[in-house]
Amino acid sequence: MQFYNSQYLIALWSLAIVALIFILAAKIRQKRLAQLGTLKTVLRMSTFSAKNRRRKNLALFLALALGLIALSQPQWGTEKKQLERKGVDIIFLLDTSLSMLAQDTKPSRLEKAKLEIRSFVKKFKGDRIGLIAFAGSSFLQCPLTLDYAAFFLFLDAINVGYIPDPGSSLQDALENAIHSFPSGEKRHRVIIIFSDGEFHGESLKSLAGKSIQEGITIYCIGLGTAEGEPIPLKTEGGKVVAYKKDNAGNMIVSKLNEGTLASLAKQGNGLYYPATANEQEIGLIYKDMQKLGKKKLKSRMLTEREDHYQLFLLIALLLLTLSALASERRRKEETAT
């Protein structure tokens, strides 16, 4: 036998301590009754039955103990299950250029993007996900995986400056993403781009066409506002010390370029939405993704231990019922004697 949630068994020690307190309290009660006269005489005159109370308390404590054992999920024996995973291959493209430090989307464009990616992943069941960080060049941070916990570790490690090359080259990131999908059936593939759309001098139309040929749908989420925001320069401790300026010494105001992102999503048979505080765009894109269908990603035979907490839970409920219905009074024939 093994316990899936063995941490609940520790509480049995607490239950043992409570039981000891009950026993001591009963002894103190008996001493106080003895002060009123002969203990047997007092008990004979009373309708109270110490034996019945002990039985009632015993049933209660056994029920609690069995309940804790049920919570710990005891397992024995094995059963075989055929596990099939169906889903979509999804690669997130996350802009890490300097402009993503702007705070016109709170807490910053980059941090907002990371929060939305997390919200996306929480909706997925059986979908493989990957991550590419990009600035002037791109890097496959996390290949396609079903291990969402590992994906989150890779996501948390990304910050502005993660890619040393300055600028923002979506073209390089898209090419990297296209090559990161496995060869084979050209369906059920998605690229979701998080960026402020500041791509200068790039022609993305041909790449969007290539994505369609590869069975890839492109969705875009824009970070920032049309009014824009200066780009803060921070110390390692996060303190803002200055704002980015151009060669002429003028402060640079970074603005959301919705046109580029919306055009790219349209050419890629997907959708574009700006990031919002309530993340409604996530639900809309996820709903649209369902029309892509799901492919079989993995099938394997699993051997799992069988759960048997139901037996302990049933006995615990029966004991609780008996404890609740049991009376602490003596029967009439016992009182008469």
C-alpha atoms as a PDB file:
ATOM      1  CA  MET A   1       0.000   0.000   0.000  1.00  0.00           C
ATOM      2  CA  GLN A   2       1.092   3.562  -0.684  1.00  0.00           C
ATOM      3  CA  PHE A   3      -0.448   6.981  -0.060  1.00  0.00           C
ATOM      4  CA  TYR A   4      -0.722   9.533  -2.885  1.00  0.00           C
ATOM      5  CA  ASN A   5      -1.203  12.461  -0.463  1.00  0.00           C
ATOM      6  CA  SER A   6       0.765  11.170   2.504  1.00  0.00           C
ATOM      7  CA  GLN A   7       1.024  14.644   4.078  1.00  0.00           C
ATOM      8  CA  TYR A   8      -2.473  14.200   5.550  1.00  0.00           C
ATOM      9  CA  LEU A   9      -1.238  11.286   7.679  1.00  0.00           C
ATOM     10  CA  ILE A  10       0.732  13.757   9.802  1.00  0.00           C
ATOM     11  CA  ALA A  11      -2.603  15.050  11.118  1.00  0.00           C
ATOM     12  CA  LEU A  12      -3.156  11.679  12.812  1.00  0.00           C
ATOM     13  CA  TRP A  13      -0.666  12.802  15.467  1.00  0.00           C
ATOM     14  CA  SER A  14      -2.855  15.831  16.176  1.00  0.00           C
ATOM     15  CA  LEU A  15      -5.870  13.561  16.446  1.00  0.00           C
ATOM     16  CA  ALA A  16      -4.006  11.381  18.953  1.00  0.00           C
ATOM     17  CA  ILE A  17      -3.229  14.454  21.081  1.00  0.00           C
ATOM     18  CA  VAL A  18      -6.903  15.516  21.020  1.00  0.00           C
ATOM     19  CA  ALA A  19      -7.911  11.994  22.092  1.00  0.00           C
ATOM     20  CA  LEU A  20      -5.479  12.197  25.024  1.00  0.00           C
ATOM     21  CA  ILE A  21      -7.015  15.524  26.065  1.00  0.00           C
ATOM     22  CA  PHE A  22     -10.474  13.926  26.029  1.00  0.00           C
ATOM     23  CA  ILE A  23      -9.264  11.070  28.256  1.00  0.00           C
ATOM     24  CA  LEU A  24      -7.703  13.481  30.765  1.00  0.00           C
ATOM     25  CA  ALA A  25     -10.881  15.585  30.777  1.00  0.00           C
ATOM     26  CA  ALA A  26     -12.948  12.463  31.563  1.00  0.00           C
ATOM     27  CA  LYS A  27     -10.698  11.614  34.527  1.00  0.00           C
ATOM     28  CA  ILE A  28     -10.991  15.168  35.868  1.00  0.00           C
ATOM     29  CA  ARG A  29     -14.791  14.932  35.523  1.00  0.00           C
ATOM     30  CA  GLN A  30     -14.817  11.684  37.511  1.00  0.00           C
ATOM     31  CA  LYS A  31     -12.781  13.265  40.325  1.00  0.00           C
ATOM     32  CA  ARG A  32     -15.222  16.160  40.563  1.00  0.00           C
ATOM     33  CA  LEU A  33     -18.179  13.770  40.698  1.00  0.00           C
ATOM     34  CA  ALA A  34     -16.460  11.806  43.455  1.00  0.00           C
ATOM     35  CA  GLN A  35     -16.347  14.966  45.580  1.00  0.00           C
ATOM     36  CA  LEU A  36     -20.162  15.026  45.595  1.00  0.00           C
ATOM     37  CA  GLY A  37     -20.337  11.637  47.261  1.00  0.00           C
ATOM     38  CA  THR A  38     -19.571   8.039  46.510  1.00  0.00           C
ATOM     39  CA  LEU A  39     -18.867   7.861  42.758  1.00  0.00           C
ATOM     40  CA  LYS A  40     -20.973   4.724  42.270  1.00  0.00           C
ATOM     41  CA  THR A  41     -23.898   6.316  44.100  1.00  0.00           C
ATOM     42  CA  VAL A  42     -23.703   9.479  41.981  1.00  0.00           C
ATOM     43  CA  LEU A  43     -23.537   7.533  38.748  1.00  0.00           C
ATOM     44  CA  ARG A  44     -26.437   5.295  39.840  1.00  0.00           C
ATOM     45  CA  MET A  45     -28.649   8.327  40.461  1.00  0.00           C
ATOM     46  CA  SER A  46     -27.725   9.907  37.110  1.00  0.00           C
ATOM     47  CA  THR A  47     -29.094   8.922  33.710  1.00  0.00           C
ATOM     48  CA  PHE A  48     -25.678   9.630  32.203  1.00  0.00           C
ATOM     49  CA  SER A  49     -23.649   6.617  30.993  1.00  0.00           C
ATOM     50  CA  ALA A  50     -19.867   7.014  30.897  1.00  0.00           C
ATOM     51  CA  LYS A  51     -19.612   3.803  28.885  1.00  0.00           C
ATOM     52  CA  ASN A  52     -21.978   5.142  26.210  1.00  0.00           C
ATOM     53  CA  ARG A  53     -20.036   8.385  26.015  1.00  0.00           C
ATOM     54  CA  ARG A  54     -16.773   6.457  25.573  1.00  0.00           C
ATOM     55  CA  ARG A  55     -18.331   4.442  22.758  1.00  0.00           C
ATOM     56  CA  LYS A  56     -19.638   7.605  21.093  1.00  0.00           C
ATOM     57  CA  ASN A  57     -16.272   9.355  21.328  1.00  0.00           C
ATOM     58  CA  LEU A  58     -14.462   6.266  20.068  1.00  0.00           C
ATOM     59  CA  ALA A  59     -16.715   6.140  16.995  1.00  0.00           C
ATOM     60  CA  LEU A  60     -16.091   9.836  16.372  1.00  0.00           C
ATOM     61  CA  PHE A  61     -12.303   9.537  16.611  1.00  0.00           C
ATOM     62  CA  LEU A  62     -12.220   6.437  14.434  1.00  0.00           C
ATOM     63  CA  ALA A  63     -14.310   8.276  11.835  1.00  0.00           C
ATOM     64  CA  LEU A  64     -11.922  11.230  11.849  1.00  0.00           C
ATOM     65  CA  ALA A  65      -8.899   8.938  11.594  1.00  0.00           C
ATOM     66  CA  LEU A  66     -10.401   7.044   8.677  1.00  0.00           C
ATOM     67  CA  GLY A  67     -11.334  10.344   7.041  1.00  0.00           C
ATOM     68  CA  LEU A  68      -7.705  11.456   7.195  1.00  0.00           C
ATOM     69  CA  ILE A  69      -6.599   8.148   5.723  1.00  0.00           C
ATOM     70  CA  ALA A  70      -9.125   8.618   2.898  1.00  0.00           C
ATOM     71  CA  LEU A  71      -7.742  12.115   2.249  1.00  0.00           C
ATOM     72  CA  SER A  72      -4.240  10.639   1.983  1.00  0.00           C
ATOM     73  CA  GLN A  73      -5.586   8.556  -0.939  1.00  0.00           C
ATOM     74  CA  PRO A  74      -4.435   4.986  -0.172  1.00  0.00           C
ATOM     75  CA  GLN A  75      -3.519   2.971  -3.255  1.00  0.00           C
ATOM     76  CA  TRP A  76      -2.830  -0.692  -3.907  1.00  0.00           C
ATOM     77  CA  GLY A  77      -3.113  -2.925  -6.908  1.00  0.00           C
ATOM     78  CA  THR A  78      -2.530  -1.721 -10.478  1.00  0.00           C
ATOM     79  CA  GLU A  79      -4.601  -0.979 -13.569  1.00  0.00           C
ATOM     80  CA  LYS A  80      -3.556  -0.316 -17.147  1.00  0.00           C
ATOM     81  CA  LYS A  81      -4.880   2.666 -19.115  1.00  0.00           C
ATOM     82  CA  GLN A  82      -4.459   3.714 -22.712  1.00  0.00           C
ATOM     83  CA  LEU A  83      -3.507   7.395 -22.697  1.00  0.00           C
ATOM     84  CA  GLU A  84      -4.174   9.418 -25.807  1.00  0.00           C
ATOM     85  CA  ARG A  85      -3.318  13.091 -26.167  1.00  0.00           C
ATOM     86  CA  LYS A  86      -4.951  15.262 -28.775  1.00  0.00           C
ATOM     87  CA  GLY A  87      -4.213  18.890 -29.349  1.00  0.00           C
ATOM     88  CA  VAL A  88      -2.613  21.644 -31.373  1.00  0.00           C
ATOM     89  CA  ASP A  89       1.052  22.594 -31.732  1.00  0.00           C
ATOM     90  CA  ILE A  90       1.403  26.191 -30.499  1.00  0.00           C
ATOM     91  CA  ILE A  91       4.524  28.355 -30.524  1.00  0.00           C
ATOM     92  CA  PHE A  92       4.530  31.693 -28.704  1.00  0.00           C
ATOM     93  CA  LEU A  93       6.703  34.477 -30.119  1.00  0.00           C
ATOM     94  CA  LEU A  94       7.631  36.943 -27.383  1.00  0.00           C
ATOM     95  CA  ASP A  95       9.163  40.318 -28.246  1.00  0.00           C
ATOM     96  CA  THR A  96      12.012  41.168 -25.834  1.00  0.00           C
ATOM     97  CA  SER A  97      13.224  44.362 -27.521  1.00  0.00           C
ATOM     98  CA  LEU A  98      13.914  47.447 -25.415  1.00  0.00           C
ATOM     99  CA  SER A  99      10.561  49.029 -26.303  1.00  0.00           C
ATOM    100  CA  MET A 100       8.814  46.240 -24.356  1.00  0.00           C
ATOM    101  CA  LEU A 101       9.938  48.005 -21.158  1.00  0.00           C
ATOM    102  CA  ALA A 102       7.397  50.786 -21.805  1.00  0.00           C
ATOM    103  CA  GLN A 103       4.694  50.896 -19.145  1.00  0.00           C
ATOM    104  CA  ASP A 104       1.680  52.088 -21.139  1.00  0.00           C
ATOM    105  CA  THR A 105       0.451  48.515 -20.601  1.00  0.00           C
ATOM    106  CA  LYS A 106       0.779  47.645 -16.913  1.00  0.00           C
ATOM    107  CA  PRO A 107       2.983  46.482 -15.299  1.00  0.00           C
ATOM    108  CA  SER A 108       5.042  46.721 -18.516  1.00  0.00           C
ATOM    109  CA  ARG A 109       4.550  45.477 -22.051  1.00  0.00           C
ATOM    110  CA  LEU A 110       6.788  42.469 -21.489  1.00  0.00           C
ATOM    111  CA  GLU A 111       5.362  41.498 -18.101  1.00  0.00           C
ATOM    112  CA  LYS A 112       1.813  41.860 -19.408  1.00  0.00           C
ATOM    113  CA  ALA A 113       2.705  39.573 -22.330  1.00  0.00           C
ATOM    114  CA  LYS A 114       4.090  36.955 -19.930  1.00  0.00           C
ATOM    115  CA  LEU A 115       0.929  37.114 -17.825  1.00  0.00           C
ATOM    116  CA  GLU A 116      -1.249  36.599 -20.899  1.00  0.00           C
ATOM    117  CA  ILE A 117       0.842  33.675 -22.088  1.00  0.00           C
ATOM    118  CA  ARG A 118       0.290  32.049 -18.692  1.00  0.00           C
ATOM    119  CA  SER A 119      -3.459  32.621 -19.025  1.00  0.00           C
ATOM    120  CA  PHE A 120      -3.395  31.028 -22.459  1.00  0.00           C
ATOM    121  CA  VAL A 121      -1.572  27.932 -21.242  1.00  0.00           C
ATOM    122  CA  LYS A 122      -4.075  27.432 -18.403  1.00  0.00           C
ATOM    123  CA  LYS A 123      -6.748  26.888 -21.049  1.00  0.00           C
ATOM    124  CA  PHE A 124      -4.809  24.235 -22.930  1.00  0.00           C
ATOM    125  CA  LYS A 125      -5.343  20.517 -22.395  1.00  0.00           C
ATOM    126  CA  GLY A 126      -3.087  18.175 -24.304  1.00  0.00           C
ATOM    127  CA  ASP A 127      -1.710  20.880 -26.616  1.00  0.00           C
ATOM    128  CA  ARG A 128       2.044  21.068 -27.176  1.00  0.00           C
ATOM    129  CA  ILE A 129       3.526  24.491 -26.577  1.00  0.00           C
ATOM    130  CA  GLY A 130       6.842  26.143 -27.417  1.00  0.00           C
ATOM    131  CA  LEU A 131       8.439  29.547 -26.907  1.00  0.00           C
ATOM    132  CA  ILE A 132      10.674  31.781 -29.010  1.00  0.00           C
ATOM    133  CA  ALA A 133      12.145  35.009 -27.646  1.00  0.00           C
ATOM    134  CA  PHE A 134      13.141  37.608 -30.205  1.00  0.00           C
ATOM    135  CA  ALA A 135      14.654  41.040 -30.549  1.00  0.00           C
ATOM    136  CA  GLY A 136      17.198  41.749 -33.318  1.00  0.00           C
ATOM    137  CA  SER A 137      17.499  37.957 -33.649  1.00  0.00           C
ATOM    138  CA  SER A 138      15.546  35.066 -32.155  1.00  0.00           C
ATOM    139  CA  PHE A 139      16.144  32.060 -29.931  1.00  0.00           C
ATOM    140  CA  LEU A 140      14.075  28.897 -29.405  1.00  0.00           C
ATOM    141  CA  GLN A 141      13.714  29.179 -25.650  1.00  0.00           C
ATOM    142  CA  CYS A 142      11.481  26.118 -25.263  1.00  0.00           C
ATOM    143  CA  PRO A 143      10.855  23.466 -27.969  1.00  0.00           C
ATOM    144  CA  LEU A 144       7.343  22.031 -28.321  1.00  0.00           C
ATOM    145  CA  THR A 145       6.483  20.205 -25.120  1.00  0.00           C
ATOM    146  CA  LEU A 146       3.604  18.829 -23.069  1.00  0.00           C
ATOM    147  CA  ASP A 147       5.427  19.744 -19.853  1.00  0.00           C
ATOM    148  CA  TYR A 148       3.709  23.009 -18.956  1.00  0.00           C
ATOM    149  CA  ALA A 149       5.632  23.394 -15.683  1.00  0.00           C
ATOM    150  CA  ALA A 150       8.950  23.343 -17.560  1.00  0.00           C
ATOM    151  CA  PHE A 151       7.527  25.810 -20.090  1.00  0.00           C
ATOM    152  CA  PHE A 152       6.712  28.270 -17.291  1.00  0.00           C
ATOM    153  CA  LEU A 153      10.295  28.043 -16.013  1.00  0.00           C
ATOM    154  CA  PHE A 154      11.582  29.031 -19.459  1.00  0.00           C
ATOM    155  CA  LEU A 155       8.999  31.821 -19.684  1.00  0.00           C
ATOM    156  CA  ASP A 156       9.961  33.290 -16.294  1.00  0.00           C
ATOM    157  CA  ALA A 157      13.632  33.426 -17.330  1.00  0.00           C
ATOM    158  CA  ILE A 158      12.943  35.847 -20.210  1.00  0.00           C
ATOM    159  CA  ASN A 159      13.608  39.563 -19.738  1.00  0.00           C
ATOM    160  CA  VAL A 160      14.359  42.544 -21.935  1.00  0.00           C
ATOM    161  CA  GLY A 161      17.974  42.179 -23.028  1.00  0.00           C
ATOM    162  CA  TYR A 162      17.694  38.391 -23.045  1.00  0.00           C
ATOM    163  CA  ILE A 163      18.498  38.549 -26.771  1.00  0.00           C
ATOM    164  CA  PRO A 164      21.661  40.672 -27.036  1.00  0.00           C
ATOM    165  CA  ASP A 165      21.011  41.872 -30.601  1.00  0.00           C
ATOM    166  CA  PRO A 166      19.224  45.258 -30.564  1.00  0.00           C
ATOM    167  CA  GLY A 167      16.123  45.999 -32.586  1.00  0.00           C
ATOM    168  CA  SER A 168      13.065  43.860 -33.258  1.00  0.00           C
ATOM    169  CA  SER A 169      13.185  41.374 -36.149  1.00  0.00           C
ATOM    170  CA  LEU A 170       9.929  39.471 -36.399  1.00  0.00           C
ATOM    171  CA  GLN A 171      11.068  38.030 -39.720  1.00  0.00           C
ATOM    172  CA  ASP A 172      13.856  36.046 -38.056  1.00  0.00           C
ATOM    173  CA  ALA A 173      11.461  34.895 -35.314  1.00  0.00           C
ATOM    174  CA  LEU A 174       8.838  33.707 -37.799  1.00  0.00           C
ATOM    175  CA  GLU A 175      11.405  31.755 -39.809  1.00  0.00           C
ATOM    176  CA  ASN A 176      12.667  30.175 -36.594  1.00  0.00           C
ATOM    177  CA  ALA A 177       9.094  29.251 -35.579  1.00  0.00           C
ATOM    178  CA  ILE A 178       8.265  27.704 -38.965  1.00  0.00           C
ATOM    179  CA  HIS A 179      11.345  25.466 -38.728  1.00  0.00           C
ATOM    180  CA  SER A 180      10.538  24.558 -35.106  1.00  0.00           C
ATOM    181  CA  PHE A 181       7.363  22.676 -36.026  1.00  0.00           C
ATOM    182  CA  PRO A 182       7.893  18.958 -36.699  1.00  0.00           C
ATOM    183  CA  SER A 183       7.748  17.726 -40.251  1.00  0.00           C
ATOM    184  CA  GLY A 184       4.711  15.746 -41.296  1.00  0.00           C
ATOM    185  CA  GLU A 185       1.048  16.672 -41.348  1.00  0.00           C
ATOM    186  CA  LYS A 186       0.725  20.387 -42.114  1.00  0.00           C
ATOM    187  CA  ARG A 187      -2.285  21.077 -39.936  1.00  0.00           C
ATOM    188  CA  HIS A 188      -3.160  22.009 -36.358  1.00  0.00           C
ATOM    189  CA  ARG A 189      -0.299  24.520 -36.045  1.00  0.00           C
ATOM    190  CA  VAL A 190      -0.487  27.941 -34.416  1.00  0.00           C
ATOM    191  CA  ILE A 191       1.842  30.891 -33.872  1.00  0.00           C
ATOM    192  CA  ILE A 192       0.794  33.501 -31.285  1.00  0.00           C
ATOM    193  CA  ILE A 193       2.836  36.723 -31.408  1.00  0.00           C
ATOM    194  CA  PHE A 194       3.133  39.132 -28.468  1.00  0.00           C
ATOM    195  CA  SER A 195       4.709  42.412 -29.553  1.00  0.00           C
ATOM    196  CA  ASP A 196       4.259  46.173 -29.840  1.00  0.00           C
ATOM    197  CA  GLY A 197       4.620  45.873 -33.625  1.00  0.00           C
ATOM    198  CA  GLU A 198       7.675  48.107 -34.006  1.00  0.00           C
ATOM    199  CA  PHE A 199       9.243  46.288 -36.927  1.00  0.00           C
ATOM    200  CA  HIS A 200      11.163  48.594 -39.236  1.00  0.00           C
ATOM    201  CA  GLY A 201      11.730  47.863 -42.909  1.00  0.00           C
ATOM    202  CA  GLU A 202      10.531  44.247 -42.790  1.00  0.00           C
ATOM    203  CA  SER A 203       8.361  42.601 -45.445  1.00  0.00           C
ATOM    204  CA  LEU A 204       6.320  39.937 -43.678  1.00  0.00           C
ATOM    205  CA  LYS A 205       3.843  39.163 -46.453  1.00  0.00           C
ATOM    206  CA  SER A 206       5.931  36.357 -47.969  1.00  0.00           C
ATOM    207  CA  LEU A 207       6.470  34.791 -44.535  1.00  0.00           C
ATOM    208  CA  ALA A 208       2.735  34.892 -43.824  1.00  0.00           C
ATOM    209  CA  GLY A 209       2.165  33.088 -47.118  1.00  0.00           C
ATOM    210  CA  LYS A 210       4.778  30.500 -46.242  1.00  0.00           C
ATOM    211  CA  SER A 211       3.106  29.975 -42.867  1.00  0.00           C
ATOM    212  CA  ILE A 212      -0.200  29.207 -44.572  1.00  0.00           C
ATOM    213  CA  GLN A 213       1.534  26.701 -46.854  1.00  0.00           C
ATOM    214  CA  GLU A 214       2.911  24.998 -43.737  1.00  0.00           C
ATOM    215  CA  GLY A 215      -0.567  24.815 -42.193  1.00  0.00           C
ATOM    216  CA  ILE A 216       0.212  27.500 -39.610  1.00  0.00           C
ATOM    217  CA  THR A 217      -2.352  30.029 -38.358  1.00  0.00           C
ATOM    218  CA  ILE A 218      -0.949  33.305 -37.004  1.00  0.00           C
ATOM    219  CA  TYR A 219      -2.543  35.240 -34.147  1.00  0.00           C
ATOM    220  CA  CYS A 220      -1.206  38.561 -32.855  1.00  0.00           C
ATOM    221  CA  ILE A 221      -1.692  40.408 -29.568  1.00  0.00           C
ATOM    222  CA  GLY A 222      -0.494  44.006 -29.403  1.00  0.00           C
ATOM    223  CA  LEU A 223       1.164  45.486 -26.318  1.00  0.00           C
ATOM    224  CA  GLY A 224       1.117  49.224 -25.713  1.00  0.00           C
ATOM    225  CA  THR A 225      -1.074  52.159 -26.749  1.00  0.00           C
ATOM    226  CA  ALA A 226      -1.404  54.425 -29.785  1.00  0.00           C
ATOM    227  CA  GLU A 227      -0.280  57.398 -27.650  1.00  0.00           C
ATOM    228  CA  GLY A 228       2.852  55.542 -26.633  1.00  0.00           C
ATOM    229  CA  GLU A 229       5.227  55.863 -23.716  1.00  0.00           C
ATOM    230  CA  PRO A 230       8.918  56.702 -23.211  1.00  0.00           C
ATOM    231  CA  ILE A 231      11.212  53.696 -22.802  1.00  0.00           C
ATOM    232  CA  PRO A 232      12.626  53.600 -19.254  1.00  0.00           C
ATOM    233  CA  LEU A 233      16.232  52.575 -18.664  1.00  0.00           C
ATOM    234  CA  LYS A 234      16.586  50.756 -15.363  1.00  0.00           C
ATOM    235  CA  THR A 235      19.295  49.566 -13.036  1.00  0.00           C
ATOM    236  CA  GLU A 236      19.572  45.883 -12.111  1.00  0.00           C
ATOM    237  CA  GLY A 237      17.479  46.705  -9.048  1.00  0.00           C
ATOM    238  CA  GLY A 238      14.645  47.992 -11.245  1.00  0.00           C
ATOM    239  CA  LYS A 239      15.111  51.711 -10.542  1.00  0.00           C
ATOM    240  CA  VAL A 240      14.437  54.027 -13.510  1.00  0.00           C
ATOM    241  CA  VAL A 241      17.520  56.189 -14.092  1.00  0.00           C
ATOM    242  CA  ALA A 242      16.766  57.659 -17.525  1.00  0.00           C
ATOM    243  CA  TYR A 243      14.699  57.320 -20.684  1.00  0.00           C
ATOM    244  CA  LYS A 244      15.922  56.199 -24.091  1.00  0.00           C
ATOM    245  CA  LYS A 245      16.808  59.024 -26.498  1.00  0.00           C
ATOM    246  CA  ASP A 246      17.657  59.166 -30.180  1.00  0.00           C
ATOM    247  CA  ASN A 247      20.944  60.410 -31.665  1.00  0.00           C
ATOM    248  CA  ALA A 248      19.674  63.992 -31.559  1.00  0.00           C
ATOM    249  CA  GLY A 249      19.029  63.754 -27.821  1.00  0.00           C
ATOM    250  CA  ASN A 250      15.237  63.641 -28.137  1.00  0.00           C
ATOM    251  CA  MET A 251      13.275  61.298 -25.925  1.00  0.00           C
ATOM    252  CA  ILE A 252      11.918  58.302 -27.883  1.00  0.00           C
ATOM    253  CA  VAL A 253       8.224  57.590 -27.486  1.00  0.00           C
ATOM    254  CA  SER A 254       7.403  53.976 -28.359  1.00  0.00           C
ATOM    255  CA  LYS A 255       3.905  53.425 -29.791  1.00  0.00           C
ATOM    256  CA  LEU A 256       1.832  50.356 -30.535  1.00  0.00           C
ATOM    257  CA  ASN A 257       1.826  49.673 -34.286  1.00  0.00           C
ATOM    258  CA  GLU A 258      -1.508  47.902 -34.665  1.00  0.00           C
ATOM    259  CA  GLY A 259      -1.481  48.111 -38.456  1.00  0.00           C
ATOM    260  CA  THR A 260       1.468  45.762 -38.906  1.00  0.00           C
ATOM    261  CA  LEU A 261       0.190  43.199 -36.404  1.00  0.00           C
ATOM    262  CA  ALA A 262      -3.386  43.272 -37.731  1.00  0.00           C
ATOM    263  CA  SER A 263      -2.156  42.895 -41.325  1.00  0.00           C
ATOM    264  CA  LEU A 264       0.099  39.973 -40.404  1.00  0.00           C
ATOM    265  CA  ALA A 265      -2.728  38.176 -38.537  1.00  0.00           C
ATOM    266  CA  LYS A 266      -5.102  38.680 -41.469  1.00  0.00           C
ATOM    267  CA  GLN A 267      -2.553  37.329 -43.967  1.00  0.00           C
ATOM    268  CA  GLY A 268      -1.935  34.377 -41.629  1.00  0.00           C
ATOM    269  CA  ASN A 269      -5.661  33.466 -41.458  1.00  0.00           C
ATOM    270  CA  GLY A 270      -5.736  34.456 -37.796  1.00  0.00           C
ATOM    271  CA  LEU A 271      -6.927  37.327 -35.628  1.00  0.00           C
ATOM    272  CA  TYR A 272      -5.411  40.428 -34.049  1.00  0.00           C
ATOM    273  CA  TYR A 273      -6.407  41.961 -30.714  1.00  0.00           C
ATOM    274  CA  PRO A 274      -4.769  44.527 -28.444  1.00  0.00           C
ATOM    275  CA  ALA A 275      -3.983  43.371 -24.914  1.00  0.00           C
ATOM    276  CA  THR A 276      -6.670  44.363 -22.397  1.00  0.00           C
ATOM    277  CA  ALA A 277      -6.850  44.385 -18.619  1.00  0.00           C
ATOM    278  CA  ASN A 278      -9.546  41.675 -18.490  1.00  0.00           C
ATOM    279  CA  GLU A 279      -7.757  39.522 -21.098  1.00  0.00           C
ATOM    280  CA  GLN A 280     -10.910  39.071 -23.190  1.00  0.00           C
ATOM    281  CA  GLU A 281      -8.708  38.637 -26.277  1.00  0.00           C
ATOM    282  CA  ILE A 282      -7.437  35.327 -24.895  1.00  0.00           C
ATOM    283  CA  GLY A 283     -10.931  33.843 -24.860  1.00  0.00           C
ATOM    284  CA  LEU A 284     -11.676  35.122 -28.366  1.00  0.00           C
ATOM    285  CA  ILE A 285      -8.486  33.693 -29.850  1.00  0.00           C
ATOM    286  CA  TYR A 286      -8.862  30.406 -27.974  1.00  0.00           C
ATOM    287  CA  LYS A 287     -12.421  30.076 -29.289  1.00  0.00           C
ATOM    288  CA  ASP A 288     -11.223  30.692 -32.855  1.00  0.00           C
ATOM    289  CA  MET A 289      -8.472  28.099 -32.418  1.00  0.00           C
ATOM    290  CA  GLN A 290     -11.071  25.388 -31.828  1.00  0.00           C
ATOM    291  CA  LYS A 291     -12.021  25.457 -35.514  1.00  0.00           C
ATOM    292  CA  LEU A 292      -8.538  24.112 -36.319  1.00  0.00           C
ATOM    293  CA  GLY A 293      -9.392  20.757 -34.795  1.00  0.00           C
ATOM    294  CA  LYS A 294      -6.954  18.605 -32.850  1.00  0.00           C
ATOM    295  CA  LYS A 295      -4.506  15.958 -33.946  1.00  0.00           C
ATOM    296  CA  LYS A 296      -3.337  12.873 -32.099  1.00  0.00           C
ATOM    297  CA  LEU A 297      -0.062  13.830 -30.453  1.00  0.00           C
ATOM    298  CA  LYS A 298       0.838  10.816 -28.346  1.00  0.00           C
ATOM    299  CA  SER A 299      -0.553   7.443 -27.338  1.00  0.00           C
ATOM    300  CA  ARG A 300       0.916   5.172 -24.702  1.00  0.00           C
ATOM    301  CA  MET A 301      -0.015   2.567 -22.128  1.00  0.00           C
ATOM    302  CA  LEU A 302       0.116   3.675 -18.489  1.00  0.00           C
ATOM    303  CA  THR A 303       0.196   1.446 -15.423  1.00  0.00           C
ATOM    304  CA  GLU A 304      -1.407   3.214 -12.469  1.00  0.00           C
ATOM    305  CA  ARG A 305      -2.108   2.175  -8.892  1.00  0.00           C
ATOM    306  CA  GLU A 306      -5.778   1.838  -7.987  1.00  0.00           C
ATOM    307  CA  ASP A 307      -7.329   4.270  -5.502  1.00  0.00           C
ATOM    308  CA  HIS A 308      -9.173   2.742  -2.540  1.00  0.00           C
ATOM    309  CA  TYR A 309     -10.027   5.831  -0.485  1.00  0.00           C
ATOM    310  CA  GLN A 310     -13.754   5.136  -1.045  1.00  0.00           C
ATOM    311  CA  LEU A 311     -13.724   2.208   1.416  1.00  0.00           C
ATOM    312  CA  PHE A 312     -12.212   4.286   4.244  1.00  0.00           C
ATOM    313  CA  LEU A 313     -14.553   7.175   3.478  1.00  0.00           C
ATOM    314  CA  LEU A 314     -17.637   4.946   3.608  1.00  0.00           C
ATOM    315  CA  ILE A 315     -16.676   3.454   6.982  1.00  0.00           C
ATOM    316  CA  ALA A 316     -15.896   6.954   8.309  1.00  0.00           C
ATOM    317  CA  LEU A 317     -19.356   8.203   7.285  1.00  0.00           C
ATOM    318  CA  LEU A 318     -21.033   5.215   8.942  1.00  0.00           C
ATOM    319  CA  LEU A 319     -19.124   5.812  12.175  1.00  0.00           C
ATOM    320  CA  LEU A 320     -19.983   9.517  12.117  1.00  0.00           C
ATOM    321  CA  THR A 321     -23.649   8.621  11.724  1.00  0.00           C
ATOM    322  CA  LEU A 322     -23.485   6.161  14.636  1.00  0.00           C
ATOM    323  CA  SER A 323     -21.714   8.749  16.792  1.00  0.00           C
ATOM    324  CA  ALA A 324     -24.352  11.370  16.015  1.00  0.00           C
ATOM    325  CA  LEU A 325     -27.277   9.011  16.747  1.00  0.00           C
ATOM    326  CA  ALA A 326     -25.797   7.369  19.842  1.00  0.00           C
ATOM    327  CA  SER A 327     -27.181   8.499  23.191  1.00  0.00           C
ATOM    328  CA  GLU A 328     -25.128   9.193  26.301  1.00  0.00           C
ATOM    329  CA  ARG A 329     -28.020   8.149  28.571  1.00  0.00           C
ATOM    330  CA  ARG A 330     -28.305   4.791  30.231  1.00  0.00           C
ATOM    331  CA  ARG A 331     -31.048   2.370  29.336  1.00  0.00           C
ATOM    332  CA  LYS A 332     -34.003   2.115  31.743  1.00  0.00           C
ATOM    333  CA  GLU A 333     -33.055  -1.385  32.985  1.00  0.00           C
ATOM    334  CA  GLU A 334     -29.530  -0.123  33.782  1.00  0.00           C
ATOM    335  CA  THR A 335     -30.952   2.835  35.746  1.00  0.00           C
ATOM    336  CA  ALA A 336     -33.315   0.576  37.664  1.00  0.00           C
ATOM    337  CA  THR A 337     -30.487  -1.644  38.883  1.00  0.00           C
END
